[in-house]
Amino acid sequence: MQNSPILIKDLPSEERPREKLKMLGAEALSNAELLAILLRTGHRSESAVQLATRILAGGGGLRRLPDLTLEDLQEFKGIGPDKAVTIKAALELGCRIAAAPREANGAVNSPRQAAAVFMEELRY
């Protein structure tokens, strides 16, 4: 019996990253599922989610992903120049959002709002 990859299109719709995001929101997805959406496709032997999982594991996890160069990313089978650039661009946007000063928008009315205000400063 041949080992064929599990294709995302063969998964139930509630397990497909794009559909799951539409139904439940981005916060419901795993890091690998979010990265798989950026990748769009895997390659012959693995799905985009499997490829994303391998990148996260081989790259030292989510926190280390921004440290990978374009060349580092392209060392993963299935990642060419275009996918590497897509990943780096998304990571840079995330870094810029995290570094951008938050606008004061009034009173803090809940612990969740307080955490959101101070999270980036307290994270490290």
PDB file of N, CA and C in Angstrom:
ATOM      1  N   MET A   1       0.836  -1.194   0.000  1.00  0.00           N
ATOM      2  CA  MET A   1       0.000   0.000   0.000  1.00  0.00           C
ATOM      3  C   MET A   1       0.879   1.255   0.000  1.00  0.00           C
ATOM      4  N   GLN A   2       0.572   2.171  -0.865  1.00  0.00           N
ATOM      5  CA  GLN A   2       1.367   3.393  -1.000  1.00  0.00           C
ATOM      6  C   GLN A   2       0.962   4.407   0.064  1.00  0.00           C
ATOM      7  N   ASN A   3       1.963   5.051   0.656  1.00  0.00           N
ATOM      8  CA  ASN A   3       1.712   6.106   1.640  1.00  0.00           C
ATOM      9  C   ASN A   3       1.504   7.413   0.906  1.00  0.00           C
ATOM     10  N   SER A   4       0.268   7.865   0.801  1.00  0.00           N
ATOM     11  CA  SER A   4       0.025   9.139   0.139  1.00  0.00           C
ATOM     12  C   SER A   4      -0.291  10.190   1.189  1.00  0.00           C
ATOM     13  N   PRO A   5       0.057  11.428   0.898  1.00  0.00           N
ATOM     14  CA  PRO A   5      -0.176  12.485   1.887  1.00  0.00           C
ATOM     15  C   PRO A   5      -1.670  12.716   2.099  1.00  0.00           C
ATOM     16  N   ILE A   6      -1.998  13.207   3.271  1.00  0.00           N
ATOM     17  CA  ILE A   6      -3.375  13.601   3.543  1.00  0.00           C
ATOM     18  C   ILE A   6      -3.556  14.990   2.946  1.00  0.00           C
ATOM     19  N   LEU A   7      -4.419  15.086   1.967  1.00  0.00           N
ATOM     20  CA  LEU A   7      -4.668  16.372   1.329  1.00  0.00           C
ATOM     21  C   LEU A   7      -5.677  17.163   2.147  1.00  0.00           C
ATOM     22  N   ILE A   8      -5.465  18.448   2.232  1.00  0.00           N
ATOM     23  CA  ILE A   8      -6.376  19.292   2.999  1.00  0.00           C
ATOM     24  C   ILE A   8      -7.780  19.224   2.419  1.00  0.00           C
ATOM     25  N   LYS A   9      -7.892  19.131   1.105  1.00  0.00           N
ATOM     26  CA  LYS A   9      -9.224  19.072   0.491  1.00  0.00           C
ATOM     27  C   LYS A   9      -9.972  17.801   0.861  1.00  0.00           C
ATOM     28  N   ASP A  10      -9.243  16.766   1.318  1.00  0.00           N
ATOM     29  CA  ASP A  10      -9.882  15.521   1.732  1.00  0.00           C
ATOM     30  C   ASP A  10     -10.350  15.551   3.184  1.00  0.00           C
ATOM     31  N   LEU A  11      -9.957  16.574   3.933  1.00  0.00           N
ATOM     32  CA  LEU A  11     -10.363  16.696   5.331  1.00  0.00           C
ATOM     33  C   LEU A  11     -11.795  17.210   5.415  1.00  0.00           C
ATOM     34  N   PRO A  12     -12.486  16.896   6.510  1.00  0.00           N
ATOM     35  CA  PRO A  12     -13.804  17.514   6.714  1.00  0.00           C
ATOM     36  C   PRO A  12     -13.644  19.035   6.753  1.00  0.00           C
ATOM     37  N   SER A  13     -14.645  19.754   6.296  1.00  0.00           N
ATOM     38  CA  SER A  13     -14.505  21.211   6.173  1.00  0.00           C
ATOM     39  C   SER A  13     -14.132  21.880   7.492  1.00  0.00           C
ATOM     40  N   GLU A  14     -14.617  21.364   8.621  1.00  0.00           N
ATOM     41  CA  GLU A  14     -14.290  21.990   9.910  1.00  0.00           C
ATOM     42  C   GLU A  14     -12.843  21.759  10.330  1.00  0.00           C
ATOM     43  N   GLU A  15     -12.125  20.898   9.618  1.00  0.00           N
ATOM     44  CA  GLU A  15     -10.712  20.648   9.905  1.00  0.00           C
ATOM     45  C   GLU A  15      -9.776  21.349   8.921  1.00  0.00           C
ATOM     46  N   ARG A  16     -10.320  21.939   7.868  1.00  0.00           N
ATOM     47  CA  ARG A  16      -9.499  22.668   6.895  1.00  0.00           C
ATOM     48  C   ARG A  16      -9.176  24.044   7.457  1.00  0.00           C
ATOM     49  N   PRO A  17      -7.904  24.436   7.428  1.00  0.00           N
ATOM     50  CA  PRO A  17      -7.521  25.702   8.062  1.00  0.00           C
ATOM     51  C   PRO A  17      -8.314  26.923   7.610  1.00  0.00           C
ATOM     52  N   ARG A  18      -8.519  27.097   6.327  1.00  0.00           N
ATOM     53  CA  ARG A  18      -9.234  28.289   5.846  1.00  0.00           C
ATOM     54  C   ARG A  18     -10.688  28.296   6.317  1.00  0.00           C
ATOM     55  N   GLU A  19     -11.339  27.143   6.186  1.00  0.00           N
ATOM     56  CA  GLU A  19     -12.735  27.051   6.599  1.00  0.00           C
ATOM     57  C   GLU A  19     -12.865  27.176   8.113  1.00  0.00           C
ATOM     58  N   LYS A  20     -11.919  26.584   8.829  1.00  0.00           N
ATOM     59  CA  LYS A  20     -11.926  26.672  10.288  1.00  0.00           C
ATOM     60  C   LYS A  20     -11.785  28.131  10.732  1.00  0.00           C
ATOM     61  N   LEU A  21     -10.909  28.877  10.071  1.00  0.00           N
ATOM     62  CA  LEU A  21     -10.740  30.291  10.401  1.00  0.00           C
ATOM     63  C   LEU A  21     -12.038  31.060  10.143  1.00  0.00           C
ATOM     64  N   LYS A  22     -12.685  30.779   9.020  1.00  0.00           N
ATOM     65  CA  LYS A  22     -13.941  31.467   8.700  1.00  0.00           C
ATOM     66  C   LYS A  22     -15.024  31.172   9.730  1.00  0.00           C
ATOM     67  N   MET A  23     -15.076  29.926  10.187  1.00  0.00           N
ATOM     68  CA  MET A  23     -16.133  29.524  11.127  1.00  0.00           C
ATOM     69  C   MET A  23     -15.844  29.947  12.562  1.00  0.00           C
ATOM     70  N   LEU A  24     -14.575  29.810  12.992  1.00  0.00           N
ATOM     71  CA  LEU A  24     -14.250  29.959  14.410  1.00  0.00           C
ATOM     72  C   LEU A  24     -13.346  31.141  14.738  1.00  0.00           C
ATOM     73  N   GLY A  25     -12.773  31.760  13.717  1.00  0.00           N
ATOM     74  CA  GLY A  25     -11.845  32.862  13.946  1.00  0.00           C
ATOM     75  C   GLY A  25     -10.404  32.379  13.988  1.00  0.00           C
ATOM     76  N   ALA A  26      -9.488  33.291  13.749  1.00  0.00           N
ATOM     77  CA  ALA A  26      -8.064  32.956  13.668  1.00  0.00           C
ATOM     78  C   ALA A  26      -7.517  32.393  14.968  1.00  0.00           C
ATOM     79  N   GLU A  27      -8.044  32.860  16.102  1.00  0.00           N
ATOM     80  CA  GLU A  27      -7.528  32.400  17.397  1.00  0.00           C
ATOM     81  C   GLU A  27      -7.805  30.919  17.646  1.00  0.00           C
ATOM     82  N   ALA A  28      -8.707  30.314  16.881  1.00  0.00           N
ATOM     83  CA  ALA A  28      -9.023  28.894  17.057  1.00  0.00           C
ATOM     84  C   ALA A  28      -8.030  27.983  16.337  1.00  0.00           C
ATOM     85  N   LEU A  29      -7.185  28.548  15.488  1.00  0.00           N
ATOM     86  CA  LEU A  29      -6.249  27.742  14.716  1.00  0.00           C
ATOM     87  C   LEU A  29      -4.931  27.563  15.447  1.00  0.00           C
ATOM     88  N   SER A  30      -4.295  26.438  15.184  1.00  0.00           N
ATOM     89  CA  SER A  30      -2.954  26.198  15.718  1.00  0.00           C
ATOM     90  C   SER A  30      -1.957  27.044  14.930  1.00  0.00           C
ATOM     91  N   ASN A  31      -0.758  27.159  15.454  1.00  0.00           N
ATOM     92  CA  ASN A  31       0.296  27.884  14.733  1.00  0.00           C
ATOM     93  C   ASN A  31       0.555  27.244  13.377  1.00  0.00           C
ATOM     94  N   ALA A  32       0.552  25.920  13.324  1.00  0.00           N
ATOM     95  CA  ALA A  32       0.789  25.219  12.064  1.00  0.00           C
ATOM     96  C   ALA A  32      -0.327  25.505  11.060  1.00  0.00           C
ATOM     97  N   GLU A  33      -1.558  25.564  11.522  1.00  0.00           N
ATOM     98  CA  GLU A  33      -2.667  25.855  10.613  1.00  0.00           C
ATOM     99  C   GLU A  33      -2.579  27.279  10.071  1.00  0.00           C
ATOM    100  N   LEU A  34      -2.214  28.230  10.913  1.00  0.00           N
ATOM    101  CA  LEU A  34      -2.047  29.610  10.443  1.00  0.00           C
ATOM    102  C   LEU A  34      -0.927  29.707   9.413  1.00  0.00           C
ATOM    103  N   LEU A  35       0.186  29.049   9.686  1.00  0.00           N
ATOM    104  CA  LEU A  35       1.301  29.049   8.742  1.00  0.00           C
ATOM    105  C   LEU A  35       0.905  28.341   7.447  1.00  0.00           C
ATOM    106  N   ALA A  36       0.132  27.272   7.541  1.00  0.00           N
ATOM    107  CA  ALA A  36      -0.318  26.539   6.355  1.00  0.00           C
ATOM    108  C   ALA A  36      -1.157  27.426   5.440  1.00  0.00           C
ATOM    109  N   ILE A  37      -1.950  28.316   6.016  1.00  0.00           N
ATOM    110  CA  ILE A  37      -2.736  29.242   5.192  1.00  0.00           C
ATOM    111  C   ILE A  37      -1.806  30.134   4.374  1.00  0.00           C
ATOM    112  N   LEU A  38      -0.720  30.584   4.980  1.00  0.00           N
ATOM    113  CA  LEU A  38       0.251  31.394   4.235  1.00  0.00           C
ATOM    114  C   LEU A  38       0.931  30.574   3.142  1.00  0.00           C
ATOM    115  N   LEU A  39       1.246  29.324   3.447  1.00  0.00           N
ATOM    116  CA  LEU A  39       1.944  28.472   2.483  1.00  0.00           C
ATOM    117  C   LEU A  39       1.062  28.133   1.282  1.00  0.00           C
ATOM    118  N   ARG A  40      -0.237  28.018   1.514  1.00  0.00           N
ATOM    119  CA  ARG A  40      -1.245  27.694   0.502  1.00  0.00           C
ATOM    120  C   ARG A  40      -1.198  26.240   0.057  1.00  0.00           C
ATOM    121  N   THR A  41      -0.026  25.699  -0.218  1.00  0.00           N
ATOM    122  CA  THR A  41       0.083  24.307  -0.659  1.00  0.00           C
ATOM    123  C   THR A  41       1.266  23.648   0.028  1.00  0.00           C
ATOM    124  N   GLY A  42       1.214  22.342   0.081  1.00  0.00           N
ATOM    125  CA  GLY A  42       2.358  21.572   0.550  1.00  0.00           C
ATOM    126  C   GLY A  42       3.168  21.167  -0.669  1.00  0.00           C
ATOM    127  N   HIS A  43       3.548  19.919  -0.689  1.00  0.00           N
ATOM    128  CA  HIS A  43       4.180  19.377  -1.896  1.00  0.00           C
ATOM    129  C   HIS A  43       3.757  17.929  -2.031  1.00  0.00           C
ATOM    130  N   ARG A  44       4.349  17.213  -2.949  1.00  0.00           N
ATOM    131  CA  ARG A  44       3.899  15.868  -3.283  1.00  0.00           C
ATOM    132  C   ARG A  44       3.736  14.937  -2.084  1.00  0.00           C
ATOM    133  N   SER A  45       4.623  15.033  -1.119  1.00  0.00           N
ATOM    134  CA  SER A  45       4.602  14.051  -0.035  1.00  0.00           C
ATOM    135  C   SER A  45       3.990  14.552   1.269  1.00  0.00           C
ATOM    136  N   GLU A  46       3.546  15.821   1.329  1.00  0.00           N
ATOM    137  CA  GLU A  46       2.907  16.295   2.555  1.00  0.00           C
ATOM    138  C   GLU A  46       2.005  17.489   2.291  1.00  0.00           C
ATOM    139  N   SER A  47       1.004  17.617   3.136  1.00  0.00           N
ATOM    140  CA  SER A  47       0.064  18.733   3.024  1.00  0.00           C
ATOM    141  C   SER A  47       0.713  20.019   3.527  1.00  0.00           C
ATOM    142  N   ALA A  48       0.033  21.122   3.312  1.00  0.00           N
ATOM    143  CA  ALA A  48       0.531  22.409   3.809  1.00  0.00           C
ATOM    144  C   ALA A  48       0.629  22.404   5.331  1.00  0.00           C
ATOM    145  N   VAL A  49      -0.320  21.755   6.008  1.00  0.00           N
ATOM    146  CA  VAL A  49      -0.276  21.689   7.475  1.00  0.00           C
ATOM    147  C   VAL A  49       0.919  20.855   7.931  1.00  0.00           C
ATOM    148  N   GLN A  50       1.174  19.747   7.257  1.00  0.00           N
ATOM    149  CA  GLN A  50       2.332  18.920   7.611  1.00  0.00           C
ATOM    150  C   GLN A  50       3.635  19.677   7.366  1.00  0.00           C
ATOM    151  N   LEU A  51       3.712  20.389   6.261  1.00  0.00           N
ATOM    152  CA  LEU A  51       4.897  21.193   5.956  1.00  0.00           C
ATOM    153  C   LEU A  51       5.080  22.284   7.008  1.00  0.00           C
ATOM    154  N   ALA A  52       4.002  22.950   7.368  1.00  0.00           N
ATOM    155  CA  ALA A  52       4.074  24.000   8.390  1.00  0.00           C
ATOM    156  C   ALA A  52       4.534  23.433   9.727  1.00  0.00           C
ATOM    157  N   THR A  53       4.033  22.267  10.084  1.00  0.00           N
ATOM    158  CA  THR A  53       4.436  21.615  11.334  1.00  0.00           C
ATOM    159  C   THR A  53       5.929  21.315  11.314  1.00  0.00           C
ATOM    160  N   ARG A  54       6.417  20.844  10.176  1.00  0.00           N
ATOM    161  CA  ARG A  54       7.843  20.527  10.038  1.00  0.00           C
ATOM    162  C   ARG A  54       8.698  21.793  10.134  1.00  0.00           C
ATOM    163  N   ILE A  55       8.233  22.883   9.552  1.00  0.00           N
ATOM    164  CA  ILE A  55       8.974  24.151   9.624  1.00  0.00           C
ATOM    165  C   ILE A  55       9.042  24.641  11.066  1.00  0.00           C
ATOM    166  N   LEU A  56       7.920  24.605  11.752  1.00  0.00           N
ATOM    167  CA  LEU A  56       7.898  25.060  13.149  1.00  0.00           C
ATOM    168  C   LEU A  56       8.804  24.199  14.023  1.00  0.00           C
ATOM    169  N   ALA A  57       8.750  22.894  13.827  1.00  0.00           N
ATOM    170  CA  ALA A  57       9.584  21.989  14.630  1.00  0.00           C
ATOM    171  C   ALA A  57      11.061  22.148  14.282  1.00  0.00           C
ATOM    172  N   GLY A  58      11.371  22.209  12.997  1.00  0.00           N
ATOM    173  CA  GLY A  58      12.760  22.304  12.562  1.00  0.00           C
ATOM    174  C   GLY A  58      13.365  23.680  12.725  1.00  0.00           C
ATOM    175  N   GLY A  59      12.517  24.690  12.802  1.00  0.00           N
ATOM    176  CA  GLY A  59      13.003  26.061  12.923  1.00  0.00           C
ATOM    177  C   GLY A  59      13.108  26.549  14.351  1.00  0.00           C
ATOM    178  N   GLY A  60      12.812  25.687  15.304  1.00  0.00           N
ATOM    179  CA  GLY A  60      12.937  26.073  16.708  1.00  0.00           C
ATOM    180  C   GLY A  60      11.665  26.626  17.323  1.00  0.00           C
ATOM    181  N   GLY A  61      10.538  26.461  16.652  1.00  0.00           N
ATOM    182  CA  GLY A  61       9.270  26.923  17.198  1.00  0.00           C
ATOM    183  C   GLY A  61       8.883  28.299  16.700  1.00  0.00           C
ATOM    184  N   LEU A  62       7.713  28.713  17.102  1.00  0.00           N
ATOM    185  CA  LEU A  62       7.155  29.980  16.632  1.00  0.00           C
ATOM    186  C   LEU A  62       8.029  31.174  16.992  1.00  0.00           C
ATOM    187  N   ARG A  63       8.547  31.210  18.192  1.00  0.00           N
ATOM    188  CA  ARG A  63       9.377  32.343  18.643  1.00  0.00           C
ATOM    189  C   ARG A  63      10.667  32.479  17.841  1.00  0.00           C
ATOM    190  N   ARG A  64      11.183  31.380  17.309  1.00  0.00           N
ATOM    191  CA  ARG A  64      12.447  31.415  16.551  1.00  0.00           C
ATOM    192  C   ARG A  64      12.217  31.640  15.056  1.00  0.00           C
ATOM    193  N   LEU A  65      10.989  31.510  14.602  1.00  0.00           N
ATOM    194  CA  LEU A  65      10.694  31.642  13.177  1.00  0.00           C
ATOM    195  C   LEU A  65      11.172  32.970  12.580  1.00  0.00           C
ATOM    196  N   PRO A  66      10.991  34.111  13.249  1.00  0.00           N
ATOM    197  CA  PRO A  66      11.476  35.367  12.659  1.00  0.00           C
ATOM    198  C   PRO A  66      12.996  35.422  12.480  1.00  0.00           C
ATOM    199  N   ASP A  67      13.716  34.584  13.210  1.00  0.00           N
ATOM    200  CA  ASP A  67      15.177  34.576  13.100  1.00  0.00           C
ATOM    201  C   ASP A  67      15.672  33.843  11.858  1.00  0.00           C
ATOM    202  N   LEU A  68      14.804  33.044  11.234  1.00  0.00           N
ATOM    203  CA  LEU A  68      15.216  32.298  10.051  1.00  0.00           C
ATOM    204  C   LEU A  68      15.344  33.237   8.859  1.00  0.00           C
ATOM    205  N   THR A  69      16.403  33.054   8.099  1.00  0.00           N
ATOM    206  CA  THR A  69      16.610  33.848   6.885  1.00  0.00           C
ATOM    207  C   THR A  69      15.824  33.220   5.738  1.00  0.00           C
ATOM    208  N   LEU A  70      15.758  33.934   4.626  1.00  0.00           N
ATOM    209  CA  LEU A  70      15.129  33.360   3.435  1.00  0.00           C
ATOM    210  C   LEU A  70      15.812  32.056   3.051  1.00  0.00           C
ATOM    211  N   GLU A  71      17.125  32.047   3.162  1.00  0.00           N
ATOM    212  CA  GLU A  71      17.887  30.848   2.821  1.00  0.00           C
ATOM    213  C   GLU A  71      17.567  29.703   3.782  1.00  0.00           C
ATOM    214  N   ASP A  72      17.468  30.013   5.078  1.00  0.00           N
ATOM    215  CA  ASP A  72      17.103  28.984   6.060  1.00  0.00           C
ATOM    216  C   ASP A  72      15.751  28.372   5.714  1.00  0.00           C
ATOM    217  N   LEU A  73      14.793  29.207   5.392  1.00  0.00           N
ATOM    218  CA  LEU A  73      13.452  28.717   5.069  1.00  0.00           C
ATOM    219  C   LEU A  73      13.468  27.829   3.833  1.00  0.00           C
ATOM    220  N   GLN A  74      14.284  28.216   2.841  1.00  0.00           N
ATOM    221  CA  GLN A  74      14.325  27.450   1.601  1.00  0.00           C
ATOM    222  C   GLN A  74      15.035  26.108   1.750  1.00  0.00           C
ATOM    223  N   GLU A  75      15.678  25.893   2.885  1.00  0.00           N
ATOM    224  CA  GLU A  75      16.284  24.583   3.128  1.00  0.00           C
ATOM    225  C   GLU A  75      15.228  23.521   3.429  1.00  0.00           C
ATOM    226  N   PHE A  76      14.026  23.946   3.787  1.00  0.00           N
ATOM    227  CA  PHE A  76      12.942  22.996   4.020  1.00  0.00           C
ATOM    228  C   PHE A  76      12.379  22.553   2.679  1.00  0.00           C
ATOM    229  N   LYS A  77      12.304  21.238   2.480  1.00  0.00           N
ATOM    230  CA  LYS A  77      11.735  20.707   1.247  1.00  0.00           C
ATOM    231  C   LYS A  77      10.309  21.227   1.108  1.00  0.00           C
ATOM    232  N   GLY A  78      10.009  21.812  -0.046  1.00  0.00           N
ATOM    233  CA  GLY A  78       8.679  22.354  -0.292  1.00  0.00           C
ATOM    234  C   GLY A  78       8.604  23.863  -0.149  1.00  0.00           C
ATOM    235  N   ILE A  79       9.698  24.482   0.300  1.00  0.00           N
ATOM    236  CA  ILE A  79       9.729  25.942   0.440  1.00  0.00           C
ATOM    237  C   ILE A  79      10.690  26.512  -0.594  1.00  0.00           C
ATOM    238  N   GLY A  80      10.126  27.218  -1.545  1.00  0.00           N
ATOM    239  CA  GLY A  80      10.930  27.907  -2.545  1.00  0.00           C
ATOM    240  C   GLY A  80      10.997  29.389  -2.217  1.00  0.00           C
ATOM    241  N   PRO A  81      11.561  30.165  -3.132  1.00  0.00           N
ATOM    242  CA  PRO A  81      11.706  31.602  -2.883  1.00  0.00           C
ATOM    243  C   PRO A  81      10.382  32.316  -2.591  1.00  0.00           C
ATOM    244  N   ASP A  82       9.324  31.989  -3.320  1.00  0.00           N
ATOM    245  CA  ASP A  82       8.048  32.685  -3.123  1.00  0.00           C
ATOM    246  C   ASP A  82       7.444  32.411  -1.752  1.00  0.00           C
ATOM    247  N   LYS A  83       7.439  31.162  -1.335  1.00  0.00           N
ATOM    248  CA  LYS A  83       6.888  30.827  -0.018  1.00  0.00           C
ATOM    249  C   LYS A  83       7.755  31.417   1.093  1.00  0.00           C
ATOM    250  N   ALA A  84       9.056  31.408   0.909  1.00  0.00           N
ATOM    251  CA  ALA A  84       9.953  31.987   1.917  1.00  0.00           C
ATOM    252  C   ALA A  84       9.681  33.482   2.071  1.00  0.00           C
ATOM    253  N   VAL A  85       9.495  34.181   0.963  1.00  0.00           N
ATOM    254  CA  VAL A  85       9.202  35.615   0.999  1.00  0.00           C
ATOM    255  C   VAL A  85       7.849  35.868   1.668  1.00  0.00           C
ATOM    256  N   THR A  86       6.855  35.045   1.373  1.00  0.00           N
ATOM    257  CA  THR A  86       5.537  35.192   1.997  1.00  0.00           C
ATOM    258  C   THR A  86       5.634  35.056   3.508  1.00  0.00           C
ATOM    259  N   ILE A  87       6.369  34.053   3.971  1.00  0.00           N
ATOM    260  CA  ILE A  87       6.536  33.835   5.412  1.00  0.00           C
ATOM    261  C   ILE A  87       7.245  35.030   6.047  1.00  0.00           C
ATOM    262  N   LYS A  88       8.352  35.470   5.446  1.00  0.00           N
ATOM    263  CA  LYS A  88       9.110  36.595   6.012  1.00  0.00           C
ATOM    264  C   LYS A  88       8.266  37.871   6.045  1.00  0.00           C
ATOM    265  N   ALA A  89       7.479  38.114   4.999  1.00  0.00           N
ATOM    266  CA  ALA A  89       6.637  39.315   4.967  1.00  0.00           C
ATOM    267  C   ALA A  89       5.588  39.266   6.077  1.00  0.00           C
ATOM    268  N   ALA A  90       4.954  38.120   6.272  1.00  0.00           N
ATOM    269  CA  ALA A  90       3.948  37.988   7.330  1.00  0.00           C
ATOM    270  C   ALA A  90       4.575  38.164   8.709  1.00  0.00           C
ATOM    271  N   LEU A  91       5.753  37.595   8.902  1.00  0.00           N
ATOM    272  CA  LEU A  91       6.443  37.742  10.184  1.00  0.00           C
ATOM    273  C   LEU A  91       6.821  39.196  10.446  1.00  0.00           C
ATOM    274  N   GLU A  92       7.272  39.888   9.420  1.00  0.00           N
ATOM    275  CA  GLU A  92       7.637  41.298   9.582  1.00  0.00           C
ATOM    276  C   GLU A  92       6.412  42.142   9.924  1.00  0.00           C
ATOM    277  N   LEU A  93       5.284  41.855   9.290  1.00  0.00           N
ATOM    278  CA  LEU A  93       4.052  42.570   9.645  1.00  0.00           C
ATOM    279  C   LEU A  93       3.699  42.342  11.111  1.00  0.00           C
ATOM    280  N   GLY A  94       3.817  41.094  11.558  1.00  0.00           N
ATOM    281  CA  GLY A  94       3.547  40.784  12.961  1.00  0.00           C
ATOM    282  C   GLY A  94       4.470  41.541  13.896  1.00  0.00           C
ATOM    283  N   CYS A  95       5.744  41.608  13.547  1.00  0.00           N
ATOM    284  CA  CYS A  95       6.711  42.350  14.372  1.00  0.00           C
ATOM    285  C   CYS A  95       6.375  43.834  14.406  1.00  0.00           C
ATOM    286  N   ARG A  96       5.986  44.389  13.270  1.00  0.00           N
ATOM    287  CA  ARG A  96       5.641  45.812  13.220  1.00  0.00           C
ATOM    288  C   ARG A  96       4.372  46.106  14.016  1.00  0.00           C
ATOM    289  N   ILE A  97       3.412  45.212  13.943  1.00  0.00           N
ATOM    290  CA  ILE A  97       2.186  45.396  14.726  1.00  0.00           C
ATOM    291  C   ILE A  97       2.510  45.355  16.209  1.00  0.00           C
ATOM    292  N   ALA A  98       3.338  44.394  16.599  1.00  0.00           N
ATOM    293  CA  ALA A  98       3.700  44.258  18.013  1.00  0.00           C
ATOM    294  C   ALA A  98       4.468  45.477  18.515  1.00  0.00           C
ATOM    295  N   ALA A  99       5.270  46.087  17.638  1.00  0.00           N
ATOM    296  CA  ALA A  99       6.091  47.224  18.046  1.00  0.00           C
ATOM    297  C   ALA A  99       5.353  48.559  17.961  1.00  0.00           C
ATOM    298  N   ALA A 100       4.246  48.590  17.229  1.00  0.00           N
ATOM    299  CA  ALA A 100       3.514  49.848  17.051  1.00  0.00           C
ATOM    300  C   ALA A 100       2.874  50.278  18.364  1.00  0.00           C
ATOM    301  N   PRO A 101       2.952  51.568  18.649  1.00  0.00           N
ATOM    302  CA  PRO A 101       2.304  52.047  19.882  1.00  0.00           C
ATOM    303  C   PRO A 101       0.795  51.892  19.766  1.00  0.00           C
ATOM    304  N   ARG A 102       0.202  51.448  20.838  1.00  0.00           N
ATOM    305  CA  ARG A 102      -1.254  51.296  20.863  1.00  0.00           C
ATOM    306  C   ARG A 102      -1.889  52.652  21.128  1.00  0.00           C
ATOM    307  N   GLU A 103      -2.957  52.917  20.423  1.00  0.00           N
ATOM    308  CA  GLU A 103      -3.688  54.161  20.635  1.00  0.00           C
ATOM    309  C   GLU A 103      -4.529  54.033  21.895  1.00  0.00           C
ATOM    310  N   ALA A 104      -4.518  55.063  22.681  1.00  0.00           N
ATOM    311  CA  ALA A 104      -5.380  55.070  23.861  1.00  0.00           C
ATOM    312  C   ALA A 104      -6.816  55.234  23.384  1.00  0.00           C
ATOM    313  N   ASN A 105      -7.659  54.304  23.757  1.00  0.00           N
ATOM    314  CA  ASN A 105      -9.041  54.382  23.290  1.00  0.00           C
ATOM    315  C   ASN A 105     -10.020  54.407  24.459  1.00  0.00           C
ATOM    316  N   GLY A 106      -9.628  55.042  25.537  1.00  0.00           N
ATOM    317  CA  GLY A 106     -10.560  55.181  26.640  1.00  0.00           C
ATOM    318  C   GLY A 106     -10.226  54.291  27.813  1.00  0.00           C
ATOM    319  N   ALA A 107     -11.207  54.049  28.602  1.00  0.00           N
ATOM    320  CA  ALA A 107     -11.036  53.307  29.848  1.00  0.00           C
ATOM    321  C   ALA A 107     -10.819  51.824  29.602  1.00  0.00           C
ATOM    322  N   VAL A 108     -10.089  51.212  30.508  1.00  0.00           N
ATOM    323  CA  VAL A 108      -9.915  49.763  30.509  1.00  0.00           C
ATOM    324  C   VAL A 108     -11.011  49.206  31.407  1.00  0.00           C
ATOM    325  N   ASN A 109     -11.843  48.347  30.831  1.00  0.00           N
ATOM    326  CA  ASN A 109     -13.021  47.869  31.549  1.00  0.00           C
ATOM    327  C   ASN A 109     -12.971  46.403  31.949  1.00  0.00           C
ATOM    328  N   SER A 110     -11.887  45.721  31.609  1.00  0.00           N
ATOM    329  CA  SER A 110     -11.822  44.304  31.959  1.00  0.00           C
ATOM    330  C   SER A 110     -10.369  43.869  32.078  1.00  0.00           C
ATOM    331  N   PRO A 111     -10.122  42.751  32.759  1.00  0.00           N
ATOM    332  CA  PRO A 111      -8.760  42.218  32.830  1.00  0.00           C
ATOM    333  C   PRO A 111      -8.196  41.905  31.448  1.00  0.00           C
ATOM    334  N   ARG A 112      -9.049  41.450  30.539  1.00  0.00           N
ATOM    335  CA  ARG A 112      -8.598  41.134  29.181  1.00  0.00           C
ATOM    336  C   ARG A 112      -8.081  42.390  28.485  1.00  0.00           C
ATOM    337  N   GLN A 113      -8.778  43.507  28.634  1.00  0.00           N
ATOM    338  CA  GLN A 113      -8.325  44.764  28.038  1.00  0.00           C
ATOM    339  C   GLN A 113      -7.020  45.224  28.672  1.00  0.00           C
ATOM    340  N   ALA A 114      -6.900  45.068  29.977  1.00  0.00           N
ATOM    341  CA  ALA A 114      -5.656  45.447  30.662  1.00  0.00           C
ATOM    342  C   ALA A 114      -4.498  44.597  30.168  1.00  0.00           C
ATOM    343  N   ALA A 115      -4.734  43.309  30.013  1.00  0.00           N
ATOM    344  CA  ALA A 115      -3.688  42.415  29.513  1.00  0.00           C
ATOM    345  C   ALA A 115      -3.275  42.811  28.106  1.00  0.00           C
ATOM    346  N   ALA A 116      -4.239  43.157  27.264  1.00  0.00           N
ATOM    347  CA  ALA A 116      -3.926  43.546  25.889  1.00  0.00           C
ATOM    348  C   ALA A 116      -3.060  44.800  25.850  1.00  0.00           C
ATOM    349  N   VAL A 117      -3.299  45.724  26.755  1.00  0.00           N
ATOM    350  CA  VAL A 117      -2.533  46.969  26.786  1.00  0.00           C
ATOM    351  C   VAL A 117      -1.072  46.708  27.141  1.00  0.00           C
ATOM    352  N   PHE A 118      -0.832  45.825  28.102  1.00  0.00           N
ATOM    353  CA  PHE A 118       0.522  45.634  28.623  1.00  0.00           C
ATOM    354  C   PHE A 118       1.231  44.376  28.127  1.00  0.00           C
ATOM    355  N   MET A 119       0.564  43.534  27.375  1.00  0.00           N
ATOM    356  CA  MET A 119       1.111  42.230  26.997  1.00  0.00           C
ATOM    357  C   MET A 119       2.470  42.326  26.308  1.00  0.00           C
ATOM    358  N   GLU A 120       2.592  43.170  25.314  1.00  0.00           N
ATOM    359  CA  GLU A 120       3.860  43.232  24.581  1.00  0.00           C
ATOM    360  C   GLU A 120       5.002  43.714  25.462  1.00  0.00           C
ATOM    361  N   GLU A 121       4.745  44.669  26.323  1.00  0.00           N
ATOM    362  CA  GLU A 121       5.804  45.171  27.200  1.00  0.00           C
ATOM    363  C   GLU A 121       6.221  44.130  28.226  1.00  0.00           C
ATOM    364  N   LEU A 122       5.286  43.363  28.709  1.00  0.00           N
ATOM    365  CA  LEU A 122       5.569  42.394  29.766  1.00  0.00           C
ATOM    366  C   LEU A 122       5.991  41.032  29.235  1.00  0.00           C
ATOM    367  N   ARG A 123       5.828  40.807  27.952  1.00  0.00           N
ATOM    368  CA  ARG A 123       6.065  39.492  27.364  1.00  0.00           C
ATOM    369  C   ARG A 123       7.505  39.020  27.559  1.00  0.00           C
ATOM    370  N   TYR A 124       8.473  39.886  27.476  1.00  0.00           N
ATOM    371  CA  TYR A 124       9.867  39.473  27.540  1.00  0.00           C
ATOM    372  C   TYR A 124      10.349  39.707  28.917  1.00  0.00           C
TER     373      TYR A 124
END
